[in-house]
Amino acid sequence: MGTEGKILHPKGRIRGGAILPHLKDTAEIKTVVMPAVSEVRIGLKQHIGAPAIPVVKKGDKVYIGTLIAQASGFVSANMHSSVSGNVKDVLEDCIIIESDGKMENDPGLKPFEADTPEDIAAAAEACGLVGLGGAGFPVKVKLTIKEDTPIDTLIINAAECEPYITSDYRECMENSEDVIEGAYLLKKIFKIPDVIICIEKNKGKAVKMFNMFYNGRHDNEEGIRLMELPTRYPQGAEKVIIYSATGRKVPAGKLPADVGCLVMNVTSVATLYRFITTGMPLVSKRITVDGSAVSQPQNVMVPIGTPIKDVLEFVGGIDEEADEIIMGGPMMGIDVYDENAVIEKRNNAITVMKAPKKSHVQTACIKCGRCAGACPMQLYPARVEAAVSFGKYEALEKLNVSYCIECGSCSFVCPAGRPLTQVMRLAKTEIKKGAAK
């Protein structure tokens, strides 16, 4: 890994996808830390699974890192205070904490001993760690690996292929050592033979940074290598990156573990390592604030539960022509209609856009097939749209709609401006409804 010859080439080539403008204006801007806000609202369901159960009451004193809500089941996640202050209220969906402005750490925080795979899974649970790439899947579940499902490859996902977003890239640049040490810890405890850090080719400085820390700390050890991936969207999607890194395809309905792989976001790895070594749980997120309506794009370390409006004010506000606020990036993000919505664990960006100068008129499908050609999962979005339009929901399963990763490539390339990604989401919902009957 210390030399150029040790950098791996992909074993599989992504099919479909799209070449997007990078627009990584914040890539070389160091992260700034946002000071305490007057209050935060910590949601009890910032993850896939059951909501966390509050363990504090109104008036309680809390600090940064204090446990305020406990996971209510196997697929759930702990919640911690992101500021010091007092619990203002405990509601059905969130806990409101009034900040005292001191930002004091909980005095009871201490390193977490982790010597076995079970310890690592317990650490992820205690940390409140969920997938930081956007899905919000509790990492404890991912790290609870069955004995009959051997893992031979850990893929650390640092691709970050969506336009504007650079939060993971800044993690690589600012905390490379935490990533490397976290990778070695996981490799050692889980006895994983091969660890691959996957980065798109447009992040050459991150590759050099990893090489520097690797050579300084583990110069003669084998098993952790870098792989440079082609700069093509959606290279960072879990199933896509598995194919790129190993040449293995995850069958429909199966998990990465079924093909011997464990995939973790690069910031998740670093966060887990920091929790084990310091005891500080997941209480803040690096958020890329960018877009055509943002005058001062930057990466900001934000206390979880901070309202979006406060983040936007901190970076200098947005253009008066701002038309759309997106939680996430322009391809897979979700429109936000209330600036009082708050930052959650699974958020990595706020993208604010002006209205396009020329709106695209939606027309009838011209049956060009571009959507199928762009789909990395080899699906036929236009056929799915037709099935939904005519109410032929029984045909959706045959079209493998559940395999869609909602990357947005089909909508991006459609010359007719069809809302194909939204239709794919609707189709997946209809399949779930049918399965529940």
Protein backbone atom coordinates (compact mmCIF):
# COMPACT_ATOMS: atom_id res chain seq x y z
CA MET A 1 0.00 0.00 0.00
CA GLY A 2 2.94 2.26 0.49
CA THR A 3 3.77 2.36 -3.20
CA GLU A 4 1.81 3.08 -6.31
CA GLY A 5 2.15 -0.53 -7.49
CA LYS A 6 0.23 -1.77 -4.45
CA ILE A 7 -2.89 0.25 -5.25
CA LEU A 8 -5.51 -2.16 -6.54
CA HIS A 9 -7.54 -1.94 -9.71
CA PRO A 10 -11.26 -2.83 -9.63
CA LYS A 11 -12.15 -6.47 -10.26
CA GLY A 12 -15.56 -5.60 -11.64
CA ARG A 13 -16.60 -2.73 -13.88
CA ILE A 14 -19.72 -0.79 -13.02
CA ARG A 15 -22.48 -1.18 -15.59
CA GLY A 16 -24.65 1.84 -16.25
CA GLY A 17 -24.63 4.76 -13.89
CA ALA A 18 -23.81 8.27 -15.01
CA ILE A 19 -20.89 10.65 -15.28
CA LEU A 20 -21.91 13.63 -13.17
CA PRO A 21 -20.26 16.99 -12.53
CA HIS A 22 -18.29 16.69 -9.30
CA LEU A 23 -18.91 20.20 -7.92
CA LYS A 24 -16.72 19.39 -4.89
CA ASP A 25 -16.13 23.03 -3.93
CA THR A 26 -15.59 22.19 -0.26
CA ALA A 27 -13.07 19.37 -0.79
CA GLU A 28 -10.02 21.32 0.38
CA ILE A 29 -11.76 23.43 3.01
CA LYS A 30 -11.05 22.27 6.55
CA THR A 31 -14.07 21.40 8.69
CA VAL A 32 -15.27 24.13 11.06
CA VAL A 33 -16.96 23.31 14.37
CA MET A 34 -20.36 24.85 14.96
CA PRO A 35 -20.79 26.32 18.46
CA ALA A 36 -23.65 25.38 20.75
CA VAL A 37 -27.15 26.36 19.66
CA SER A 38 -29.90 27.33 22.12
CA GLU A 39 -31.56 23.93 21.93
CA VAL A 40 -31.43 20.64 20.07
CA ARG A 41 -34.14 18.11 19.29
CA ILE A 42 -32.82 14.55 19.37
CA GLY A 43 -35.11 12.30 17.36
CA LEU A 44 -35.85 8.84 18.73
CA LYS A 45 -35.88 7.19 15.30
CA GLN A 46 -32.79 8.31 13.39
CA HIS A 47 -32.32 4.81 12.04
CA ILE A 48 -34.01 1.85 10.42
CA GLY A 49 -35.89 -0.12 13.07
CA ALA A 50 -37.70 0.53 16.36
CA PRO A 51 -37.56 3.97 18.06
CA ALA A 52 -35.29 4.37 21.06
CA ILE A 53 -36.89 4.57 24.52
CA PRO A 54 -36.20 7.71 26.61
CA VAL A 55 -34.22 7.17 29.84
CA VAL A 56 -34.28 10.82 30.97
CA LYS A 57 -37.08 13.09 32.17
CA LYS A 58 -37.88 16.77 31.99
CA GLY A 59 -35.41 18.84 34.03
CA ASP A 60 -32.57 16.30 34.05
CA LYS A 61 -29.02 17.63 33.69
CA VAL A 62 -27.17 16.18 30.71
CA TYR A 63 -23.76 16.54 29.09
CA ILE A 64 -22.31 15.81 25.66
CA GLY A 65 -22.39 12.02 25.38
CA THR A 66 -25.00 11.37 28.10
CA LEU A 67 -27.32 8.49 27.17
CA ILE A 68 -30.84 9.92 26.81
CA ALA A 69 -32.65 7.10 24.99
CA GLN A 70 -31.92 3.40 24.79
CA ALA A 71 -32.28 1.01 21.85
CA SER A 72 -35.61 -0.81 22.15
CA GLY A 73 -34.68 -3.92 20.20
CA PHE A 74 -32.07 -5.64 18.10
CA VAL A 75 -32.70 -3.28 15.17
CA SER A 76 -32.63 0.03 17.02
CA ALA A 77 -30.05 2.57 18.24
CA ASN A 78 -29.08 4.46 21.38
CA MET A 79 -29.38 8.25 21.46
CA HIS A 80 -27.07 10.62 23.32
CA SER A 81 -27.14 14.30 24.13
CA SER A 82 -25.12 16.42 21.71
CA VAL A 83 -24.89 19.42 24.05
CA SER A 84 -24.64 20.06 27.78
CA GLY A 85 -27.68 21.53 29.46
CA ASN A 86 -31.07 20.43 30.74
CA VAL A 87 -33.85 18.28 29.29
CA LYS A 88 -36.57 20.74 28.31
CA ASP A 89 -39.15 18.15 27.29
CA VAL A 90 -39.57 14.48 26.40
CA LEU A 91 -41.98 14.06 23.50
CA GLU A 92 -43.25 11.03 21.66
CA ASP A 93 -40.78 11.40 18.80
CA CYS A 94 -37.90 13.42 20.27
CA ILE A 95 -36.15 14.76 23.33
CA ILE A 96 -35.61 18.53 23.51
CA ILE A 97 -32.47 19.71 25.31
CA GLU A 98 -31.85 23.33 26.25
CA SER A 99 -28.15 24.08 25.91
CA ASP A 100 -26.19 25.83 28.67
CA GLY A 101 -23.61 26.95 26.09
CA LYS A 102 -20.74 25.23 27.91
CA MET A 103 -20.50 22.13 25.69
CA GLU A 104 -19.12 19.99 28.54
CA ASN A 105 -18.45 16.30 28.02
CA ASP A 106 -20.10 13.71 30.26
CA PRO A 107 -17.58 13.02 33.07
CA GLY A 108 -18.49 9.33 33.00
CA LEU A 109 -17.21 8.72 29.47
CA LYS A 110 -14.36 6.22 29.25
CA PRO A 111 -12.77 3.92 26.65
CA PHE A 112 -14.71 0.79 25.73
CA GLU A 113 -12.83 -2.49 26.00
CA ALA A 114 -13.24 -4.52 22.83
CA ASP A 115 -11.42 -7.84 22.46
CA THR A 116 -13.98 -10.04 20.70
CA PRO A 117 -16.44 -9.69 17.81
CA GLU A 118 -19.24 -9.54 20.37
CA ASP A 119 -17.43 -6.67 22.11
CA ILE A 120 -17.16 -4.74 18.83
CA ALA A 121 -20.89 -5.20 18.15
CA ALA A 122 -21.63 -4.07 21.72
CA ALA A 123 -19.40 -1.02 21.21
CA ALA A 124 -21.34 -0.08 18.07
CA GLU A 125 -24.57 -0.37 20.06
CA ALA A 126 -23.25 1.66 23.00
CA CYS A 127 -21.97 4.31 20.57
CA GLY A 128 -25.40 4.63 18.96
CA LEU A 129 -23.67 4.08 15.64
CA VAL A 130 -25.75 3.75 12.50
CA GLY A 131 -24.67 3.63 8.88
CA LEU A 132 -23.38 7.12 8.16
CA GLY A 133 -23.58 6.77 4.40
CA GLY A 134 -27.29 7.62 4.50
CA ALA A 135 -29.25 4.43 5.18
CA GLY A 136 -29.16 4.61 8.99
CA PHE A 137 -28.90 0.84 9.48
CA PRO A 138 -27.74 0.09 13.07
CA VAL A 139 -24.08 -0.95 12.82
CA LYS A 140 -24.49 -3.39 15.72
CA VAL A 141 -26.68 -5.53 13.46
CA LYS A 142 -24.15 -5.43 10.64
CA LEU A 143 -21.36 -6.47 13.01
CA THR A 144 -23.33 -9.34 14.53
CA ILE A 145 -21.95 -11.90 12.11
CA LYS A 146 -23.18 -15.49 12.18
CA GLU A 147 -20.60 -18.24 12.44
CA ASP A 148 -21.97 -19.94 9.33
CA THR A 149 -21.48 -16.73 7.31
CA PRO A 150 -17.71 -16.25 7.08
CA ILE A 151 -16.48 -12.81 6.04
CA ASP A 152 -13.28 -12.72 3.98
CA THR A 153 -13.39 -9.09 2.80
CA LEU A 154 -14.02 -5.82 4.62
CA ILE A 155 -14.74 -2.99 2.19
CA ILE A 156 -14.34 0.51 3.60
CA ASN A 157 -16.45 2.77 1.45
CA ALA A 158 -14.81 6.15 0.81
CA ALA A 159 -16.16 6.55 -2.75
CA GLU A 160 -18.50 9.50 -2.03
CA CYS A 161 -19.64 9.75 -5.63
CA GLU A 162 -22.54 12.20 -5.34
CA PRO A 163 -22.03 15.83 -6.46
CA TYR A 164 -21.26 18.50 -3.86
CA ILE A 165 -20.79 16.16 -0.85
CA THR A 166 -17.28 16.02 0.65
CA SER A 167 -17.94 15.08 4.29
CA ASP A 168 -16.37 11.61 3.95
CA TYR A 169 -13.45 13.04 1.99
CA ARG A 170 -12.74 15.45 4.83
CA GLU A 171 -12.85 12.51 7.25
CA CYS A 172 -10.15 10.87 5.13
CA MET A 173 -8.06 14.04 5.12
CA GLU A 174 -8.52 15.07 8.74
CA ASN A 175 -8.78 11.69 10.49
CA SER A 176 -6.89 9.23 8.27
CA GLU A 177 -5.17 7.66 11.25
CA ASP A 178 -8.52 6.86 12.91
CA VAL A 179 -9.68 5.17 9.70
CA ILE A 180 -6.50 3.09 9.40
CA GLU A 181 -6.46 2.11 13.09
CA GLY A 182 -10.17 1.30 12.96
CA ALA A 183 -9.62 -0.87 9.90
CA TYR A 184 -6.83 -2.78 11.62
CA LEU A 185 -8.92 -3.26 14.74
CA LEU A 186 -11.82 -4.73 12.75
CA LYS A 187 -9.43 -6.91 10.74
CA LYS A 188 -7.80 -8.26 13.88
CA ILE A 189 -10.91 -8.88 15.98
CA PHE A 190 -13.04 -10.39 13.19
CA LYS A 191 -10.06 -12.19 11.62
CA ILE A 192 -10.88 -10.79 8.18
CA PRO A 193 -8.15 -11.71 5.67
CA ASP A 194 -8.63 -8.82 3.24
CA VAL A 195 -9.47 -5.18 3.91
CA ILE A 196 -9.94 -2.81 0.96
CA ILE A 197 -10.34 0.95 1.28
CA CYS A 198 -12.19 2.01 -1.87
CA ILE A 199 -11.82 5.58 -3.10
CA GLU A 200 -12.75 7.18 -6.41
CA LYS A 201 -9.82 8.36 -8.54
CA ASN A 202 -10.74 12.01 -8.13
CA LYS A 203 -9.57 11.88 -4.48
CA GLY A 204 -5.84 11.50 -5.02
CA LYS A 205 -4.91 13.54 -1.93
CA ALA A 206 -6.83 11.12 0.30
CA VAL A 207 -4.91 8.21 -1.22
CA LYS A 208 -1.61 9.93 -0.37
CA MET A 209 -2.83 10.69 3.15
CA PHE A 210 -3.76 7.05 3.79
CA ASN A 211 -0.39 5.94 2.43
CA MET A 212 1.42 8.28 4.81
CA PHE A 213 -0.34 7.02 7.94
CA TYR A 214 -0.19 3.40 6.78
CA ASN A 215 3.57 3.52 6.25
CA GLY A 216 4.14 5.28 9.53
CA ARG A 217 2.12 2.84 11.62
CA HIS A 218 1.93 -0.53 9.84
CA ASP A 219 4.70 -0.42 7.28
CA ASN A 220 5.35 -4.15 7.05
CA GLU A 221 1.86 -5.53 7.56
CA GLU A 222 -0.28 -6.93 4.79
CA GLY A 223 -4.01 -7.16 4.36
CA ILE A 224 -5.16 -3.53 4.12
CA ARG A 225 -4.98 -2.11 0.64
CA LEU A 226 -6.28 0.82 -1.34
CA MET A 227 -8.39 0.51 -4.46
CA GLU A 228 -8.94 3.42 -6.81
CA LEU A 229 -12.35 3.25 -8.44
CA PRO A 230 -13.44 4.93 -11.67
CA THR A 231 -15.15 8.25 -11.00
CA ARG A 232 -18.65 7.24 -11.99
CA TYR A 233 -21.96 7.56 -10.15
CA PRO A 234 -23.24 5.54 -8.18
CA GLN A 235 -19.86 3.94 -7.44
CA GLY A 236 -20.45 4.19 -3.69
CA ALA A 237 -23.68 2.16 -3.64
CA GLU A 238 -23.17 -0.95 -1.51
CA LYS A 239 -23.87 -3.58 -4.15
CA VAL A 240 -21.97 -1.62 -6.77
CA ILE A 241 -18.86 -1.20 -4.63
CA ILE A 242 -18.88 -4.90 -3.72
CA TYR A 243 -18.85 -5.79 -7.40
CA SER A 244 -16.11 -3.26 -8.13
CA ALA A 245 -13.92 -4.43 -5.25
CA THR A 246 -14.41 -8.21 -5.48
CA GLY A 247 -16.21 -9.03 -8.73
CA ARG A 248 -18.99 -10.63 -6.67
CA LYS A 249 -22.67 -9.93 -7.25
CA VAL A 250 -25.09 -9.79 -4.34
CA PRO A 251 -28.21 -11.73 -5.43
CA ALA A 252 -31.63 -10.12 -5.05
CA GLY A 253 -32.90 -10.52 -1.50
CA LYS A 254 -29.43 -11.33 -0.14
CA LEU A 255 -27.00 -9.36 2.02
CA PRO A 256 -23.30 -8.53 1.49
CA ALA A 257 -22.42 -11.15 4.13
CA ASP A 258 -23.93 -13.80 1.85
CA VAL A 259 -21.07 -13.19 -0.57
CA GLY A 260 -18.43 -12.94 2.16
CA CYS A 261 -18.31 -9.14 2.38
CA LEU A 262 -18.76 -6.55 5.10
CA VAL A 263 -19.15 -2.96 3.86
CA MET A 264 -18.68 0.00 6.19
CA ASN A 265 -18.70 3.71 5.48
CA VAL A 266 -15.30 5.33 6.10
CA THR A 267 -16.68 7.74 8.71
CA SER A 268 -18.44 4.87 10.49
CA VAL A 269 -15.11 3.04 10.86
CA ALA A 270 -13.38 6.12 12.27
CA THR A 271 -16.30 6.92 14.60
CA LEU A 272 -16.33 3.39 16.00
CA TYR A 273 -12.57 3.52 16.63
CA ARG A 274 -12.86 6.88 18.40
CA PHE A 275 -15.65 5.57 20.63
CA ILE A 276 -13.62 2.51 21.62
CA THR A 277 -10.56 4.63 22.44
CA THR A 278 -12.29 7.62 24.08
CA GLY A 279 -15.84 6.62 25.01
CA MET A 280 -17.38 9.52 23.10
CA PRO A 281 -20.50 8.26 21.28
CA LEU A 282 -21.97 9.57 18.04
CA VAL A 283 -23.17 13.06 18.96
CA SER A 284 -22.20 15.21 15.97
CA LYS A 285 -22.01 14.96 12.20
CA ARG A 286 -19.85 16.62 9.57
CA ILE A 287 -22.29 18.23 7.16
CA THR A 288 -21.38 19.53 3.71
CA VAL A 289 -23.36 22.73 3.12
CA ASP A 290 -23.26 23.56 -0.57
CA GLY A 291 -25.34 24.14 -3.67
CA SER A 292 -26.02 26.93 -6.14
CA ALA A 293 -27.83 29.00 -3.48
CA VAL A 294 -25.07 28.77 -0.84
CA SER A 295 -22.68 31.72 -0.90
CA GLN A 296 -20.08 30.23 1.49
CA PRO A 297 -19.95 26.44 0.94
CA GLN A 298 -18.17 24.56 3.70
CA ASN A 299 -18.08 21.45 5.88
CA VAL A 300 -19.44 22.00 9.37
CA MET A 301 -19.28 19.71 12.41
CA VAL A 302 -22.83 20.01 13.72
CA PRO A 303 -24.35 18.77 17.01
CA ILE A 304 -27.01 16.18 16.19
CA GLY A 305 -30.47 17.68 16.64
CA THR A 306 -29.49 21.16 15.38
CA PRO A 307 -32.19 22.81 13.21
CA ILE A 308 -31.27 23.24 9.56
CA LYS A 309 -32.01 26.96 9.73
CA ASP A 310 -29.31 27.39 12.39
CA VAL A 311 -26.77 25.57 10.23
CA LEU A 312 -27.60 27.74 7.23
CA GLU A 313 -27.30 30.90 9.34
CA PHE A 314 -23.91 29.73 10.63
CA VAL A 315 -22.51 29.46 7.09
CA GLY A 316 -23.69 32.93 6.17
CA GLY A 317 -27.22 32.24 4.96
CA ILE A 318 -28.54 31.34 1.54
CA ASP A 319 -29.36 33.27 -1.62
CA GLU A 320 -32.78 34.91 -1.79
CA GLU A 321 -33.35 32.96 -5.00
CA ALA A 322 -33.06 29.65 -3.13
CA ASP A 323 -35.74 27.33 -4.43
CA GLU A 324 -35.00 23.93 -2.91
CA ILE A 325 -33.40 22.62 0.29
CA ILE A 326 -32.24 19.02 0.08
CA MET A 327 -31.17 16.88 3.00
CA GLY A 328 -28.33 15.02 1.30
CA GLY A 329 -27.13 15.40 -2.27
CA PRO A 330 -28.99 16.28 -5.47
CA MET A 331 -29.25 12.67 -6.65
CA MET A 332 -30.44 10.75 -3.60
CA GLY A 333 -31.33 13.50 -1.14
CA ILE A 334 -34.78 14.31 0.21
CA ASP A 335 -36.49 17.68 -0.17
CA VAL A 336 -36.94 19.57 3.10
CA TYR A 337 -39.97 21.84 3.40
CA ASP A 338 -39.38 23.05 6.96
CA GLU A 339 -36.12 24.73 7.99
CA ASN A 340 -36.88 23.68 11.56
CA ALA A 341 -36.15 20.08 10.59
CA VAL A 342 -33.03 18.89 12.40
CA ILE A 343 -29.74 17.19 11.59
CA GLU A 344 -29.82 13.45 12.20
CA LYS A 345 -27.09 10.83 12.47
CA ARG A 346 -27.60 9.61 8.92
CA ASN A 347 -27.36 13.09 7.35
CA ASN A 348 -24.15 14.10 5.59
CA ALA A 349 -25.14 17.19 3.60
CA ILE A 350 -27.51 20.09 3.12
CA THR A 351 -27.74 21.10 -0.53
CA VAL A 352 -29.57 24.33 -1.34
CA MET A 353 -30.37 25.04 -4.97
CA LYS A 354 -31.70 27.95 -6.98
CA ALA A 355 -34.50 27.26 -9.42
CA PRO A 356 -33.12 26.06 -12.77
CA LYS A 357 -32.98 28.79 -15.39
CA LYS A 358 -34.70 26.53 -17.87
CA SER A 359 -37.22 24.01 -16.58
CA HIS A 360 -37.46 20.68 -18.36
CA VAL A 361 -40.88 19.91 -19.79
CA GLN A 362 -42.06 16.40 -18.99
CA THR A 363 -43.18 14.51 -22.08
CA ALA A 364 -44.32 11.01 -22.87
CA CYS A 365 -41.78 8.19 -22.77
CA ILE A 366 -40.03 7.92 -26.14
CA LYS A 367 -38.89 4.33 -25.48
CA CYS A 368 -35.23 5.16 -26.01
CA GLY A 369 -33.98 2.72 -23.37
CA ARG A 370 -31.55 5.15 -21.77
CA CYS A 371 -32.98 4.47 -18.32
CA ALA A 372 -32.22 0.77 -18.66
CA GLY A 373 -28.74 1.53 -19.94
CA ALA A 374 -28.03 3.78 -16.95
CA CYS A 375 -29.38 1.44 -14.29
CA PRO A 376 -26.46 -0.18 -12.39
CA MET A 377 -28.82 -2.92 -11.21
CA GLN A 378 -29.80 -3.83 -14.80
CA LEU A 379 -33.47 -2.99 -14.33
CA TYR A 380 -36.00 -1.51 -16.77
CA PRO A 381 -37.45 1.63 -15.13
CA ALA A 382 -39.66 2.53 -18.11
CA ARG A 383 -41.34 -0.89 -17.94
CA VAL A 384 -41.86 -0.42 -14.21
CA GLU A 385 -43.44 2.98 -14.83
CA ALA A 386 -45.79 1.43 -17.40
CA ALA A 387 -46.78 -1.36 -15.00
CA VAL A 388 -47.54 1.14 -12.24
CA SER A 389 -49.47 3.42 -14.62
CA PHE A 390 -51.73 0.57 -15.72
CA GLY A 391 -52.07 -0.91 -12.25
CA LYS A 392 -50.28 -4.14 -13.15
CA TYR A 393 -48.69 -4.54 -9.76
CA GLU A 394 -48.31 -8.28 -10.15
CA ALA A 395 -45.71 -7.59 -12.84
CA LEU A 396 -43.45 -5.59 -10.52
CA GLU A 397 -41.86 -8.58 -8.85
CA LYS A 398 -40.97 -10.07 -12.24
CA LEU A 399 -39.26 -6.77 -13.05
CA ASN A 400 -37.10 -7.14 -9.88
CA VAL A 401 -38.10 -3.72 -8.58
CA SER A 402 -36.94 -4.56 -5.06
CA TYR A 403 -33.36 -4.60 -6.39
CA CYS A 404 -33.52 -0.86 -7.14
CA ILE A 405 -31.05 1.20 -5.07
CA GLU A 406 -32.86 4.49 -5.82
CA CYS A 407 -29.68 6.12 -7.13
CA GLY A 408 -31.57 8.43 -9.51
CA SER A 409 -29.52 7.57 -12.60
CA CYS A 410 -32.63 6.70 -14.61
CA SER A 411 -34.27 10.08 -13.96
CA PHE A 412 -30.99 11.89 -14.65
CA VAL A 413 -30.59 10.47 -18.17
CA CYS A 414 -34.26 10.46 -19.22
CA PRO A 415 -34.71 12.90 -22.14
CA ALA A 416 -38.47 12.96 -21.50
CA GLY A 417 -38.04 14.15 -17.91
CA ARG A 418 -40.00 11.22 -16.48
CA PRO A 419 -39.97 10.92 -12.64
CA LEU A 420 -38.63 7.39 -12.87
CA THR A 421 -36.89 7.26 -9.48
CA GLN A 422 -40.07 8.31 -7.69
CA VAL A 423 -41.99 5.67 -9.61
CA MET A 424 -39.45 3.01 -8.61
CA ARG A 425 -39.90 3.99 -4.95
CA LEU A 426 -43.67 3.77 -5.35
CA ALA A 427 -43.36 0.36 -6.98
CA LYS A 428 -41.19 -0.93 -4.11
CA THR A 429 -43.83 0.30 -1.65
CA GLU A 430 -46.56 -1.53 -3.56
CA ILE A 431 -44.55 -4.76 -3.42
CA LYS A 432 -44.14 -4.39 0.34
CA LYS A 433 -47.88 -3.79 0.71
CA GLY A 434 -48.57 -6.94 -1.27
CA ALA A 435 -46.17 -8.98 0.84
CA ALA A 436 -47.82 -7.71 4.03
CA LYS A 437 -51.30 -8.84 2.98
